[in-house]
Amino acid sequence: MGVFHICTIANKLDMYQTMKASFIEAGFTEDKCRYSLFDNSEKNLYEPYNILKVIQSNTVEPYIILCHQDILVDQGDGFEKLINIIKELEGKNTNWAILGNAGMNYDYEFVVKIVNPNNFEPWAGEYPQEAHYLDENFLVINNSANFSSSNGLSGFHIYGTDFCLNAILQGYLGFAE
């Protein structure tokens, strides 16, 4: 059994292949991770609100990574860094459900640890930060938390917030790292 189940809903398969190759090069190899592509290249068959339940019910790995097709893991951090972040987080609080690389903490400050063309200012404070909102671009879900998305919602926006709020309502915590 691997450590991560890496799931991506993709409508541009060339972007997905580039993303997956960057993950593998960063140590997220197929002996440690399972990859699942939800192919929307021809038609929108999958959306995050409903696919989360499917992913959770079919995942034996302890952690699920739900990420965008345009993520590149090419800034020097990789598998071992994420494992260390999770170990550190679990050492501080075992009641976590969801972790992301960009979000908003309880003081309404953006906590962002991402390199992108929009040149976000990096967070200058301590990591990890408890968060009530996480951006959808890269989410690590603790599979044992077993939270779900809200019923009746669909689409491709605000699901990171929905996941966080549902986890919080079930007694779990979200973190930005």
Protein backbone atom coordinates (compact mmCIF):
# COMPACT_ATOMS: atom_id res chain seq x y z
CA MET A 1 0.00 0.00 0.00
CA GLY A 2 1.21 3.47 -0.84
CA VAL A 3 1.09 6.65 1.20
CA PHE A 4 -0.85 8.98 -1.11
CA HIS A 5 -3.74 8.57 -3.52
CA ILE A 6 -3.20 11.49 -5.91
CA CYS A 7 -6.44 12.46 -7.64
CA THR A 8 -6.92 14.99 -10.39
CA ILE A 9 -9.94 16.06 -12.40
CA ALA A 10 -8.46 17.08 -15.74
CA ASN A 11 -9.84 18.57 -18.91
CA LYS A 12 -6.40 19.03 -20.52
CA LEU A 13 -4.63 15.69 -20.57
CA ASP A 14 -1.29 17.14 -21.67
CA MET A 15 -1.29 19.37 -18.56
CA TYR A 16 -2.14 16.37 -16.41
CA GLN A 17 0.75 14.33 -17.87
CA THR A 18 3.16 17.22 -17.16
CA MET A 19 1.80 17.51 -13.61
CA LYS A 20 2.13 13.77 -12.97
CA ALA A 21 5.68 13.71 -14.35
CA SER A 22 6.66 16.56 -12.00
CA PHE A 23 5.20 14.65 -9.04
CA ILE A 24 7.08 11.48 -9.96
CA GLU A 25 10.32 13.41 -10.37
CA ALA A 26 9.74 14.95 -6.90
CA GLY A 27 9.59 11.49 -5.32
CA PHE A 28 5.86 10.75 -5.57
CA THR A 29 6.66 7.53 -7.40
CA GLU A 30 4.08 4.91 -8.26
CA ASP A 31 5.44 2.49 -5.65
CA LYS A 32 4.55 5.10 -2.96
CA CYS A 33 1.53 6.73 -4.59
CA ARG A 34 -1.51 5.75 -6.58
CA TYR A 35 -2.67 8.14 -9.30
CA SER A 36 -6.27 8.54 -10.38
CA LEU A 37 -7.25 10.68 -13.33
CA PHE A 38 -10.86 11.76 -13.64
CA ASP A 39 -11.00 12.57 -17.34
CA ASN A 40 -13.16 15.55 -18.26
CA SER A 41 -11.38 16.15 -21.58
CA GLU A 42 -14.44 15.30 -23.67
CA LYS A 43 -17.24 16.22 -21.27
CA ASN A 44 -17.65 17.30 -17.63
CA LEU A 45 -18.36 13.91 -16.10
CA TYR A 46 -16.70 14.60 -12.75
CA GLU A 47 -16.75 17.47 -10.30
CA PRO A 48 -15.07 17.73 -6.89
CA TYR A 49 -18.12 17.87 -4.61
CA ASN A 50 -19.39 14.47 -5.72
CA ILE A 51 -16.10 12.82 -6.57
CA LEU A 52 -14.74 13.25 -3.01
CA LYS A 53 -17.11 10.59 -1.70
CA VAL A 54 -16.11 8.21 -4.49
CA ILE A 55 -12.41 8.83 -3.86
CA GLN A 56 -12.75 8.31 -0.10
CA SER A 57 -14.66 5.07 -0.52
CA ASN A 58 -12.04 3.68 -2.92
CA THR A 59 -8.90 4.81 -1.09
CA VAL A 60 -6.84 2.56 1.17
CA GLU A 61 -3.92 4.98 1.36
CA PRO A 62 -3.79 7.12 4.52
CA TYR A 63 -3.77 10.40 2.57
CA ILE A 64 -5.54 11.71 -0.50
CA ILE A 65 -4.06 14.51 -2.57
CA LEU A 66 -6.68 16.31 -4.62
CA CYS A 67 -4.95 18.76 -6.94
CA HIS A 68 -5.36 20.79 -10.08
CA GLN A 69 -3.96 19.56 -13.38
CA ASP A 70 -1.60 22.55 -13.64
CA ILE A 71 0.34 21.94 -10.39
CA LEU A 72 4.06 21.48 -10.86
CA VAL A 73 6.19 20.10 -8.05
CA ASP A 74 9.43 21.64 -9.28
CA GLN A 75 10.59 24.03 -6.57
CA GLY A 76 12.78 21.61 -4.62
CA ASP A 77 10.16 20.27 -2.22
CA GLY A 78 8.70 16.85 -2.77
CA PHE A 79 7.55 13.59 -1.23
CA GLU A 80 9.89 13.62 1.78
CA LYS A 81 9.09 17.26 2.58
CA LEU A 82 5.34 16.55 2.56
CA ILE A 83 5.83 13.47 4.75
CA ASN A 84 7.80 15.60 7.23
CA ILE A 85 5.11 18.30 7.24
CA ILE A 86 2.44 15.68 7.98
CA LYS A 87 4.56 14.17 10.78
CA GLU A 88 5.10 17.62 12.28
CA LEU A 89 1.39 18.42 12.01
CA GLU A 90 0.38 15.10 13.58
CA GLY A 91 2.86 15.76 16.38
CA LYS A 92 1.07 19.03 17.15
CA ASN A 93 -2.51 18.00 16.48
CA THR A 94 -3.77 14.55 15.55
CA ASN A 95 -7.26 15.91 14.86
CA TRP A 96 -6.51 17.34 11.43
CA ALA A 97 -8.55 16.56 8.34
CA ILE A 98 -7.27 18.71 5.52
CA LEU A 99 -4.03 20.50 4.67
CA GLY A 100 -3.32 22.91 1.84
CA ASN A 101 -0.65 25.21 0.51
CA ALA A 102 -2.80 28.34 0.38
CA GLY A 103 -5.71 29.53 2.46
CA MET A 104 -6.93 31.87 5.15
CA ASN A 105 -6.28 31.52 8.86
CA TYR A 106 -8.64 32.41 11.71
CA ASP A 107 -7.24 35.96 11.82
CA TYR A 108 -8.38 36.41 8.20
CA GLU A 109 -4.80 36.51 6.95
CA PHE A 110 -3.85 34.79 3.73
CA VAL A 111 -1.40 31.96 4.38
CA VAL A 112 0.23 31.19 1.06
CA LYS A 113 3.19 28.93 0.34
CA ILE A 114 3.09 28.71 -3.41
CA VAL A 115 5.11 29.86 -6.38
CA ASN A 116 3.00 30.97 -9.32
CA PRO A 117 2.88 33.55 -12.10
CA ASN A 118 0.73 35.87 -9.96
CA ASN A 119 3.63 36.34 -7.52
CA PHE A 120 1.75 35.91 -4.27
CA GLU A 121 3.63 37.32 -1.32
CA PRO A 122 4.74 34.35 0.77
CA TRP A 123 3.36 34.06 4.30
CA ALA A 124 5.87 35.45 6.79
CA GLY A 125 4.36 33.82 9.90
CA GLU A 126 4.63 30.42 11.49
CA TYR A 127 3.53 27.22 9.78
CA PRO A 128 1.24 25.38 10.01
CA GLN A 129 -1.71 27.71 10.52
CA GLU A 130 -5.22 26.55 11.34
CA ALA A 131 -7.39 27.51 8.40
CA HIS A 132 -11.08 27.84 7.71
CA TYR A 133 -10.52 28.23 3.98
CA LEU A 134 -8.12 26.42 1.67
CA ASP A 135 -7.54 27.02 -2.00
CA GLU A 136 -8.42 24.05 -4.18
CA ASN A 137 -5.16 23.89 -6.10
CA PHE A 138 -3.51 21.39 -3.70
CA LEU A 139 -5.32 19.64 -0.86
CA VAL A 140 -4.05 16.82 1.33
CA ILE A 141 -6.94 14.97 2.96
CA ASN A 142 -6.44 12.76 5.99
CA ASN A 143 -8.46 9.74 4.84
CA SER A 144 -9.21 8.66 8.41
CA ALA A 145 -11.11 11.93 9.07
CA ASN A 146 -13.93 10.78 6.78
CA PHE A 147 -15.59 14.18 6.36
CA SER A 148 -17.59 14.89 3.24
CA SER A 149 -18.77 17.69 1.03
CA SER A 150 -22.10 19.44 1.46
CA ASN A 151 -25.12 17.83 -0.16
CA GLY A 152 -26.66 19.69 -3.05
CA LEU A 153 -23.52 21.53 -4.15
CA SER A 154 -21.77 20.98 -7.44
CA GLY A 155 -19.30 22.64 -9.73
CA PHE A 156 -15.62 23.53 -9.63
CA HIS A 157 -15.42 26.46 -7.23
CA ILE A 158 -15.34 26.97 -3.46
CA TYR A 159 -15.06 23.24 -2.73
CA GLY A 160 -11.89 23.79 -0.65
CA THR A 161 -13.88 26.04 1.66
CA ASP A 162 -16.75 23.57 1.73
CA PHE A 163 -14.41 20.70 2.61
CA CYS A 164 -12.79 22.76 5.40
CA LEU A 165 -16.07 23.90 6.89
CA ASN A 166 -17.52 20.38 6.83
CA ALA A 167 -14.40 19.00 8.48
CA ILE A 168 -14.60 21.72 11.15
CA LEU A 169 -18.31 20.98 11.72
CA GLN A 170 -17.37 17.33 12.30
CA GLY A 171 -14.78 18.33 14.91
CA TYR A 172 -11.66 18.29 12.74
CA LEU A 173 -9.19 21.01 11.83
CA GLY A 174 -7.87 22.35 8.54
CA PHE A 175 -4.33 23.70 8.14
CA ALA A 176 -2.40 25.82 5.68
CA GLU A 177 1.25 24.84 5.42
